[in-house]
Amino acid sequence: MSPGADLFIVCRQCGSEVSPYITECPYCGHRLRRRAPKLPRERPGRQGEKRRQRPALRGFRGAGALVGAGVDSRPYATIALVLVACGMWVATSGGFVSPAKLALEGPVRGEWWRLFSSQFLYTSGIYAFVALLAVAVFGWLLERRHGPLVVAALFLGAGVTGALAAEAAFAYPLISGGNAGALCLIAAWAAPDLRSARRSEWYEGDLLGAAAIAAALLAMPFARSEANWLAGVVGAAFGLVLGLGLSRIRSTSEI
């Protein structure tokens, strides 16, 4: 109906109020007009059709934008972690850099940079494949959820924490590879789904696949001595605690 149109007209024969879009009076049959009036056409997007509005971004979503979180963004931190490990593999395999200068073997003795370099050093292809696969998959998933800074902080923080725990527990530890960081990323990604499973709520993550990769990393120290088991366990605990905290902050701020 166009703006300002009459809601009814009065039949001249019986005086009844009838619709303006009929040709005969339903009460007395008097002819009101020869043809029915044309109905006005409504333009799409202006009348009768509501425009779809994008949902407002709330709470943690806005905070995630500060660190680059987004489904459409590229996983820059994950790519960087994998590329650094691959570059170090090429450098050590080609004899350009000695692995002894990068690995953490024995007490730190002031060489704190080994706490970071040892996380990207691999001397075994199988160990490198499993660890980097976990970093690539779960780092990418976490980066979509929380952004690149969170992924980098989780990986490096878990590696340093696990190495320091091994330094405190063993007299002469040997630490090489990113099993602690990879287990941290797996645990941080699985933390919300584990909480949902405990509450008997629905979740969409593949916990069995994550558990299989985590089990392979936890069993790696039995095959490779440089993959310290305590560093891996500490890294998994580190990721689980921070993953639960991040998911709780996100769910609370989105309400």
C-alpha atoms as a PDB file:
ATOM      1  CA  MET A   1       0.000   0.000   0.000  1.00  0.00           C
ATOM      2  CA  SER A   2       1.380   3.405  -0.962  1.00  0.00           C
ATOM      3  CA  PRO A   3       1.754   6.082   1.711  1.00  0.00           C
ATOM      4  CA  GLY A   4      -1.384   8.134   2.242  1.00  0.00           C
ATOM      5  CA  ALA A   5      -3.783   5.614   0.607  1.00  0.00           C
ATOM      6  CA  ASP A   6      -7.343   5.338   1.996  1.00  0.00           C
ATOM      7  CA  LEU A   7      -7.971   2.411   4.298  1.00  0.00           C
ATOM      8  CA  PHE A   8     -11.617   2.117   3.149  1.00  0.00           C
ATOM      9  CA  ILE A   9     -14.273   3.742   0.981  1.00  0.00           C
ATOM     10  CA  VAL A  10     -18.000   4.228   1.574  1.00  0.00           C
ATOM     11  CA  CYS A  11     -20.528   2.475  -0.635  1.00  0.00           C
ATOM     12  CA  ARG A  12     -22.965   5.054  -2.058  1.00  0.00           C
ATOM     13  CA  GLN A  13     -25.790   2.504  -2.163  1.00  0.00           C
ATOM     14  CA  CYS A  14     -25.804   1.155   1.420  1.00  0.00           C
ATOM     15  CA  GLY A  15     -23.293   3.402   3.196  1.00  0.00           C
ATOM     16  CA  SER A  16     -21.025   0.522   4.305  1.00  0.00           C
ATOM     17  CA  GLU A  17     -17.288   0.890   4.679  1.00  0.00           C
ATOM     18  CA  VAL A  18     -15.556  -1.459   2.247  1.00  0.00           C
ATOM     19  CA  SER A  19     -12.040  -2.097   0.985  1.00  0.00           C
ATOM     20  CA  PRO A  20     -10.735   0.282  -1.675  1.00  0.00           C
ATOM     21  CA  TYR A  21      -9.401  -2.688  -3.696  1.00  0.00           C
ATOM     22  CA  ILE A  22     -12.752  -4.321  -4.637  1.00  0.00           C
ATOM     23  CA  THR A  23     -15.123  -3.536  -7.520  1.00  0.00           C
ATOM     24  CA  GLU A  24     -18.455  -4.507  -5.898  1.00  0.00           C
ATOM     25  CA  CYS A  25     -19.883  -3.928  -2.439  1.00  0.00           C
ATOM     26  CA  PRO A  26     -20.055  -7.264  -0.551  1.00  0.00           C
ATOM     27  CA  TYR A  27     -23.155  -6.103   1.339  1.00  0.00           C
ATOM     28  CA  CYS A  28     -25.478  -4.811  -1.371  1.00  0.00           C
ATOM     29  CA  GLY A  29     -23.721  -5.757  -4.620  1.00  0.00           C
ATOM     30  CA  HIS A  30     -23.519  -2.156  -5.843  1.00  0.00           C
ATOM     31  CA  ARG A  31     -20.903  -1.587  -8.518  1.00  0.00           C
ATOM     32  CA  LEU A  32     -18.181   0.595  -7.074  1.00  0.00           C
ATOM     33  CA  ARG A  33     -15.815   0.849 -10.072  1.00  0.00           C
ATOM     34  CA  ARG A  34     -15.187  -0.864 -13.378  1.00  0.00           C
ATOM     35  CA  ARG A  35     -11.682  -2.103 -12.663  1.00  0.00           C
ATOM     36  CA  ALA A  36      -9.879  -2.900  -9.487  1.00  0.00           C
ATOM     37  CA  PRO A  37      -7.105  -0.414  -8.670  1.00  0.00           C
ATOM     38  CA  LYS A  38      -3.519  -1.550  -9.209  1.00  0.00           C
ATOM     39  CA  LEU A  39      -1.530  -2.508  -6.134  1.00  0.00           C
ATOM     40  CA  PRO A  40       1.665  -0.457  -5.770  1.00  0.00           C
ATOM     41  CA  ARG A  41       4.856  -2.427  -6.234  1.00  0.00           C
ATOM     42  CA  GLU A  42       7.336  -2.277  -3.393  1.00  0.00           C
ATOM     43  CA  ARG A  43      10.985  -1.850  -4.237  1.00  0.00           C
ATOM     44  CA  PRO A  44      13.266  -4.505  -2.728  1.00  0.00           C
ATOM     45  CA  GLY A  45      15.396  -3.289   0.084  1.00  0.00           C
ATOM     46  CA  ARG A  46      13.111  -0.342   0.917  1.00  0.00           C
ATOM     47  CA  GLN A  47       9.705  -1.648   1.959  1.00  0.00           C
ATOM     48  CA  GLY A  48       8.567  -5.109   3.002  1.00  0.00           C
ATOM     49  CA  GLU A  49      12.080  -6.538   2.793  1.00  0.00           C
ATOM     50  CA  LYS A  50      14.316  -6.118   5.780  1.00  0.00           C
ATOM     51  CA  ARG A  51      17.962  -5.651   5.214  1.00  0.00           C
ATOM     52  CA  ARG A  52      20.197  -8.237   6.733  1.00  0.00           C
ATOM     53  CA  GLN A  53      22.412  -6.758   9.371  1.00  0.00           C
ATOM     54  CA  ARG A  54      25.743  -8.203  10.314  1.00  0.00           C
ATOM     55  CA  PRO A  55      25.940  -9.206  13.948  1.00  0.00           C
ATOM     56  CA  ALA A  56      27.832  -6.799  16.106  1.00  0.00           C
ATOM     57  CA  LEU A  57      31.283  -7.865  17.227  1.00  0.00           C
ATOM     58  CA  ARG A  58      31.440  -8.102  20.965  1.00  0.00           C
ATOM     59  CA  GLY A  59      33.913  -8.464  23.753  1.00  0.00           C
ATOM     60  CA  PHE A  60      36.735 -10.834  22.974  1.00  0.00           C
ATOM     61  CA  ARG A  61      36.105 -10.556  19.238  1.00  0.00           C
ATOM     62  CA  GLY A  62      37.127  -6.946  19.354  1.00  0.00           C
ATOM     63  CA  ALA A  63      40.132  -7.839  21.481  1.00  0.00           C
ATOM     64  CA  GLY A  64      41.032 -10.583  19.014  1.00  0.00           C
ATOM     65  CA  ALA A  65      41.126  -8.034  16.212  1.00  0.00           C
ATOM     66  CA  LEU A  66      44.009  -6.329  17.997  1.00  0.00           C
ATOM     67  CA  VAL A  67      46.146  -9.421  17.610  1.00  0.00           C
ATOM     68  CA  GLY A  68      44.926 -10.283  14.119  1.00  0.00           C
ATOM     69  CA  ALA A  69      42.424 -13.021  14.981  1.00  0.00           C
ATOM     70  CA  GLY A  70      40.106 -13.932  12.132  1.00  0.00           C
ATOM     71  CA  VAL A  71      38.951 -16.842  10.030  1.00  0.00           C
ATOM     72  CA  ASP A  72      40.077 -15.197   6.787  1.00  0.00           C
ATOM     73  CA  SER A  73      43.519 -14.128   8.002  1.00  0.00           C
ATOM     74  CA  ARG A  74      46.603 -16.134   7.133  1.00  0.00           C
ATOM     75  CA  PRO A  75      48.370 -18.047   9.918  1.00  0.00           C
ATOM     76  CA  TYR A  76      51.513 -15.936   9.877  1.00  0.00           C
ATOM     77  CA  ALA A  77      52.835 -17.075  13.259  1.00  0.00           C
ATOM     78  CA  THR A  78      52.316 -20.753  12.427  1.00  0.00           C
ATOM     79  CA  ILE A  79      54.021 -20.363   9.065  1.00  0.00           C
ATOM     80  CA  ALA A  80      56.937 -18.569  10.720  1.00  0.00           C
ATOM     81  CA  LEU A  81      57.392 -21.301  13.343  1.00  0.00           C
ATOM     82  CA  VAL A  82      57.468 -24.025  10.701  1.00  0.00           C
ATOM     83  CA  LEU A  83      59.750 -22.082   8.351  1.00  0.00           C
ATOM     84  CA  VAL A  84      62.286 -21.339  11.080  1.00  0.00           C
ATOM     85  CA  ALA A  85      62.472 -25.036  11.966  1.00  0.00           C
ATOM     86  CA  CYS A  86      62.830 -25.999   8.291  1.00  0.00           C
ATOM     87  CA  GLY A  87      65.520 -23.388   7.755  1.00  0.00           C
ATOM     88  CA  MET A  88      67.436 -24.620  10.766  1.00  0.00           C
ATOM     89  CA  TRP A  89      67.141 -28.196   9.469  1.00  0.00           C
ATOM     90  CA  VAL A  90      68.701 -27.132   6.161  1.00  0.00           C
ATOM     91  CA  ALA A  91      71.430 -25.151   7.933  1.00  0.00           C
ATOM     92  CA  THR A  92      72.448 -28.026  10.228  1.00  0.00           C
ATOM     93  CA  SER A  93      72.099 -30.772   7.617  1.00  0.00           C
ATOM     94  CA  GLY A  94      74.202 -28.808   5.163  1.00  0.00           C
ATOM     95  CA  GLY A  95      76.950 -28.232   7.700  1.00  0.00           C
ATOM     96  CA  PHE A  96      76.498 -24.467   7.808  1.00  0.00           C
ATOM     97  CA  VAL A  97      75.693 -24.459  11.546  1.00  0.00           C
ATOM     98  CA  SER A  98      76.755 -26.966  14.186  1.00  0.00           C
ATOM     99  CA  PRO A  99      73.831 -28.538  16.105  1.00  0.00           C
ATOM    100  CA  ALA A 100      75.920 -28.371  19.286  1.00  0.00           C
ATOM    101  CA  LYS A 101      75.659 -24.565  19.184  1.00  0.00           C
ATOM    102  CA  LEU A 102      71.847 -24.651  19.063  1.00  0.00           C
ATOM    103  CA  ALA A 103      70.805 -27.556  21.288  1.00  0.00           C
ATOM    104  CA  LEU A 104      70.402 -27.300  25.042  1.00  0.00           C
ATOM    105  CA  GLU A 105      72.781 -29.859  26.488  1.00  0.00           C
ATOM    106  CA  GLY A 106      73.659 -29.686  30.147  1.00  0.00           C
ATOM    107  CA  PRO A 107      73.346 -26.559  32.289  1.00  0.00           C
ATOM    108  CA  VAL A 108      72.470 -23.292  30.561  1.00  0.00           C
ATOM    109  CA  ARG A 109      75.506 -21.448  32.003  1.00  0.00           C
ATOM    110  CA  GLY A 110      74.422 -18.022  30.823  1.00  0.00           C
ATOM    111  CA  GLU A 111      73.613 -19.067  27.245  1.00  0.00           C
ATOM    112  CA  TRP A 112      69.880 -18.300  27.575  1.00  0.00           C
ATOM    113  CA  TRP A 113      69.371 -18.073  23.829  1.00  0.00           C
ATOM    114  CA  ARG A 114      69.647 -21.882  23.706  1.00  0.00           C
ATOM    115  CA  LEU A 115      66.252 -22.036  25.430  1.00  0.00           C
ATOM    116  CA  PHE A 116      64.762 -20.673  22.187  1.00  0.00           C
ATOM    117  CA  SER A 117      67.087 -22.087  19.529  1.00  0.00           C
ATOM    118  CA  SER A 118      66.722 -25.635  20.847  1.00  0.00           C
ATOM    119  CA  GLN A 119      62.987 -25.547  20.112  1.00  0.00           C
ATOM    120  CA  PHE A 120      63.632 -25.376  16.363  1.00  0.00           C
ATOM    121  CA  LEU A 121      66.494 -27.897  16.168  1.00  0.00           C
ATOM    122  CA  TYR A 122      65.750 -31.417  14.882  1.00  0.00           C
ATOM    123  CA  THR A 123      68.211 -34.180  14.157  1.00  0.00           C
ATOM    124  CA  SER A 124      65.623 -36.826  13.296  1.00  0.00           C
ATOM    125  CA  GLY A 125      63.264 -36.696  10.329  1.00  0.00           C
ATOM    126  CA  ILE A 126      60.475 -38.615  12.077  1.00  0.00           C
ATOM    127  CA  TYR A 127      60.665 -36.390  15.124  1.00  0.00           C
ATOM    128  CA  ALA A 128      60.611 -33.275  12.929  1.00  0.00           C
ATOM    129  CA  PHE A 129      57.659 -34.542  10.873  1.00  0.00           C
ATOM    130  CA  VAL A 130      55.422 -35.326  13.871  1.00  0.00           C
ATOM    131  CA  ALA A 131      56.275 -32.144  15.779  1.00  0.00           C
ATOM    132  CA  LEU A 132      55.965 -29.797  12.805  1.00  0.00           C
ATOM    133  CA  LEU A 133      52.725 -31.470  11.723  1.00  0.00           C
ATOM    134  CA  ALA A 134      51.262 -30.769  15.147  1.00  0.00           C
ATOM    135  CA  VAL A 135      52.515 -27.180  15.078  1.00  0.00           C
ATOM    136  CA  ALA A 136      51.128 -26.585  11.589  1.00  0.00           C
ATOM    137  CA  VAL A 137      47.668 -28.049  12.241  1.00  0.00           C
ATOM    138  CA  PHE A 138      46.936 -26.892  15.776  1.00  0.00           C
ATOM    139  CA  GLY A 139      48.857 -23.641  15.460  1.00  0.00           C
ATOM    140  CA  TRP A 140      46.690 -22.740  12.466  1.00  0.00           C
ATOM    141  CA  LEU A 141      43.492 -23.641  14.330  1.00  0.00           C
ATOM    142  CA  LEU A 142      44.532 -21.632  17.381  1.00  0.00           C
ATOM    143  CA  GLU A 143      45.574 -18.680  15.242  1.00  0.00           C
ATOM    144  CA  ARG A 144      42.111 -18.547  13.699  1.00  0.00           C
ATOM    145  CA  ARG A 145      40.689 -18.442  17.203  1.00  0.00           C
ATOM    146  CA  HIS A 146      43.067 -16.141  19.070  1.00  0.00           C
ATOM    147  CA  GLY A 147      45.508 -14.582  16.611  1.00  0.00           C
ATOM    148  CA  PRO A 148      49.236 -14.918  15.836  1.00  0.00           C
ATOM    149  CA  LEU A 149      50.620 -13.340  19.008  1.00  0.00           C
ATOM    150  CA  VAL A 150      48.895 -15.902  21.204  1.00  0.00           C
ATOM    151  CA  VAL A 151      50.241 -18.806  19.130  1.00  0.00           C
ATOM    152  CA  ALA A 152      53.806 -17.502  19.208  1.00  0.00           C
ATOM    153  CA  ALA A 153      53.613 -16.806  22.954  1.00  0.00           C
ATOM    154  CA  LEU A 154      52.199 -20.267  23.683  1.00  0.00           C
ATOM    155  CA  PHE A 155      54.814 -22.106  21.634  1.00  0.00           C
ATOM    156  CA  LEU A 156      57.850 -20.193  22.887  1.00  0.00           C
ATOM    157  CA  GLY A 157      56.561 -19.926  26.452  1.00  0.00           C
ATOM    158  CA  ALA A 158      55.906 -23.653  26.695  1.00  0.00           C
ATOM    159  CA  GLY A 159      59.321 -24.469  25.245  1.00  0.00           C
ATOM    160  CA  VAL A 160      61.155 -22.228  27.693  1.00  0.00           C
ATOM    161  CA  THR A 161      59.090 -23.431  30.662  1.00  0.00           C
ATOM    162  CA  GLY A 162      59.626 -27.085  29.758  1.00  0.00           C
ATOM    163  CA  ALA A 163      63.353 -26.581  29.270  1.00  0.00           C
ATOM    164  CA  LEU A 164      63.710 -24.838  32.622  1.00  0.00           C
ATOM    165  CA  ALA A 165      61.791 -27.654  34.311  1.00  0.00           C
ATOM    166  CA  ALA A 166      64.138 -30.211  32.736  1.00  0.00           C
ATOM    167  CA  GLU A 167      67.154 -28.130  33.802  1.00  0.00           C
ATOM    168  CA  ALA A 168      65.883 -28.177  37.384  1.00  0.00           C
ATOM    169  CA  ALA A 169      65.023 -31.888  37.431  1.00  0.00           C
ATOM    170  CA  PHE A 170      68.021 -33.414  35.622  1.00  0.00           C
ATOM    171  CA  ALA A 171      71.707 -32.901  36.267  1.00  0.00           C
ATOM    172  CA  TYR A 172      72.664 -33.035  32.594  1.00  0.00           C
ATOM    173  CA  PRO A 173      69.561 -32.675  30.390  1.00  0.00           C
ATOM    174  CA  LEU A 174      69.494 -32.904  26.600  1.00  0.00           C
ATOM    175  CA  ILE A 175      66.701 -30.857  25.004  1.00  0.00           C
ATOM    176  CA  SER A 176      66.139 -30.428  21.295  1.00  0.00           C
ATOM    177  CA  GLY A 177      63.016 -30.038  19.179  1.00  0.00           C
ATOM    178  CA  GLY A 178      59.627 -28.525  19.708  1.00  0.00           C
ATOM    179  CA  ASN A 179      57.749 -31.321  21.464  1.00  0.00           C
ATOM    180  CA  ALA A 180      56.901 -29.012  24.383  1.00  0.00           C
ATOM    181  CA  GLY A 181      55.576 -26.254  22.119  1.00  0.00           C
ATOM    182  CA  ALA A 182      53.651 -28.691  19.912  1.00  0.00           C
ATOM    183  CA  LEU A 183      52.005 -30.363  22.913  1.00  0.00           C
ATOM    184  CA  CYS A 184      51.158 -26.925  24.280  1.00  0.00           C
ATOM    185  CA  LEU A 185      49.335 -25.967  21.073  1.00  0.00           C
ATOM    186  CA  ILE A 186      47.419 -29.252  21.059  1.00  0.00           C
ATOM    187  CA  ALA A 187      46.360 -28.875  24.687  1.00  0.00           C
ATOM    188  CA  ALA A 188      45.394 -25.219  24.269  1.00  0.00           C
ATOM    189  CA  TRP A 189      43.239 -26.030  21.246  1.00  0.00           C
ATOM    190  CA  ALA A 190      41.571 -29.025  22.907  1.00  0.00           C
ATOM    191  CA  ALA A 191      40.937 -27.270  26.249  1.00  0.00           C
ATOM    192  CA  PRO A 192      37.464 -25.847  25.366  1.00  0.00           C
ATOM    193  CA  ASP A 193      36.312 -29.185  23.926  1.00  0.00           C
ATOM    194  CA  LEU A 194      37.604 -31.064  26.958  1.00  0.00           C
ATOM    195  CA  ARG A 195      35.610 -28.758  29.201  1.00  0.00           C
ATOM    196  CA  SER A 196      32.499 -29.294  27.074  1.00  0.00           C
ATOM    197  CA  ALA A 197      32.992 -33.063  27.118  1.00  0.00           C
ATOM    198  CA  ARG A 198      33.298 -33.020  30.894  1.00  0.00           C
ATOM    199  CA  ARG A 199      29.991 -31.154  31.114  1.00  0.00           C
ATOM    200  CA  SER A 200      28.362 -33.567  28.624  1.00  0.00           C
ATOM    201  CA  GLU A 201      27.887 -30.698  26.171  1.00  0.00           C
ATOM    202  CA  TRP A 202      28.176 -30.771  22.392  1.00  0.00           C
ATOM    203  CA  TYR A 203      31.539 -29.928  20.809  1.00  0.00           C
ATOM    204  CA  GLU A 204      32.774 -30.064  17.222  1.00  0.00           C
ATOM    205  CA  GLY A 205      36.498 -30.719  17.664  1.00  0.00           C
ATOM    206  CA  ASP A 206      38.197 -34.032  16.900  1.00  0.00           C
ATOM    207  CA  LEU A 207      39.607 -34.942  20.300  1.00  0.00           C
ATOM    208  CA  LEU A 208      40.570 -38.446  19.187  1.00  0.00           C
ATOM    209  CA  GLY A 209      42.802 -37.118  16.401  1.00  0.00           C
ATOM    210  CA  ALA A 210      44.382 -34.602  18.767  1.00  0.00           C
ATOM    211  CA  ALA A 211      44.955 -37.352  21.334  1.00  0.00           C
ATOM    212  CA  ALA A 212      46.655 -39.557  18.726  1.00  0.00           C
ATOM    213  CA  ILE A 213      49.138 -36.849  17.735  1.00  0.00           C
ATOM    214  CA  ALA A 214      49.729 -35.937  21.387  1.00  0.00           C
ATOM    215  CA  ALA A 215      50.387 -39.595  22.234  1.00  0.00           C
ATOM    216  CA  ALA A 216      52.953 -39.808  19.429  1.00  0.00           C
ATOM    217  CA  LEU A 217      54.761 -36.748  20.801  1.00  0.00           C
ATOM    218  CA  LEU A 218      54.645 -38.047  24.376  1.00  0.00           C
ATOM    219  CA  ALA A 219      56.098 -41.372  23.212  1.00  0.00           C
ATOM    220  CA  MET A 220      58.818 -39.705  21.124  1.00  0.00           C
ATOM    221  CA  PRO A 221      61.355 -39.571  24.033  1.00  0.00           C
ATOM    222  CA  PHE A 222      61.432 -43.384  24.035  1.00  0.00           C
ATOM    223  CA  ALA A 223      62.728 -43.274  20.442  1.00  0.00           C
ATOM    224  CA  ARG A 224      64.727 -40.040  20.493  1.00  0.00           C
ATOM    225  CA  SER A 225      66.671 -39.033  23.582  1.00  0.00           C
ATOM    226  CA  GLU A 226      66.768 -35.348  22.627  1.00  0.00           C
ATOM    227  CA  ALA A 227      62.970 -35.153  22.968  1.00  0.00           C
ATOM    228  CA  ASN A 228      62.822 -34.602  26.715  1.00  0.00           C
ATOM    229  CA  TRP A 229      59.710 -36.180  28.236  1.00  0.00           C
ATOM    230  CA  LEU A 230      59.458 -33.782  31.167  1.00  0.00           C
ATOM    231  CA  ALA A 231      59.608 -30.773  28.875  1.00  0.00           C
ATOM    232  CA  GLY A 232      56.760 -32.257  26.845  1.00  0.00           C
ATOM    233  CA  VAL A 233      54.582 -32.927  29.892  1.00  0.00           C
ATOM    234  CA  VAL A 234      55.203 -29.422  31.249  1.00  0.00           C
ATOM    235  CA  GLY A 235      54.405 -27.949  27.830  1.00  0.00           C
ATOM    236  CA  ALA A 236      51.108 -29.854  27.650  1.00  0.00           C
ATOM    237  CA  ALA A 237      50.124 -28.680  31.144  1.00  0.00           C
ATOM    238  CA  PHE A 238      51.140 -25.128  30.221  1.00  0.00           C
ATOM    239  CA  GLY A 239      48.885 -25.191  27.153  1.00  0.00           C
ATOM    240  CA  LEU A 240      45.965 -26.793  28.971  1.00  0.00           C
ATOM    241  CA  VAL A 241      45.911 -24.167  31.714  1.00  0.00           C
ATOM    242  CA  LEU A 242      46.250 -21.220  29.349  1.00  0.00           C
ATOM    243  CA  GLY A 243      43.801 -22.739  26.873  1.00  0.00           C
ATOM    244  CA  LEU A 244      41.142 -23.028  29.573  1.00  0.00           C
ATOM    245  CA  GLY A 245      41.820 -19.458  30.638  1.00  0.00           C
ATOM    246  CA  LEU A 246      41.589 -18.102  27.100  1.00  0.00           C
ATOM    247  CA  SER A 247      38.368 -19.978  26.370  1.00  0.00           C
ATOM    248  CA  ARG A 248      36.788 -18.754  29.595  1.00  0.00           C
ATOM    249  CA  ILE A 249      37.724 -15.155  28.848  1.00  0.00           C
ATOM    250  CA  ARG A 250      36.342 -15.467  25.354  1.00  0.00           C
ATOM    251  CA  SER A 251      33.055 -17.086  26.375  1.00  0.00           C
ATOM    252  CA  THR A 252      32.521 -14.568  29.175  1.00  0.00           C
ATOM    253  CA  SER A 253      33.170 -11.498  27.037  1.00  0.00           C
ATOM    254  CA  GLU A 254      30.888 -12.705  24.219  1.00  0.00           C
ATOM    255  CA  ILE A 255      27.831 -12.885  26.468  1.00  0.00           C
END
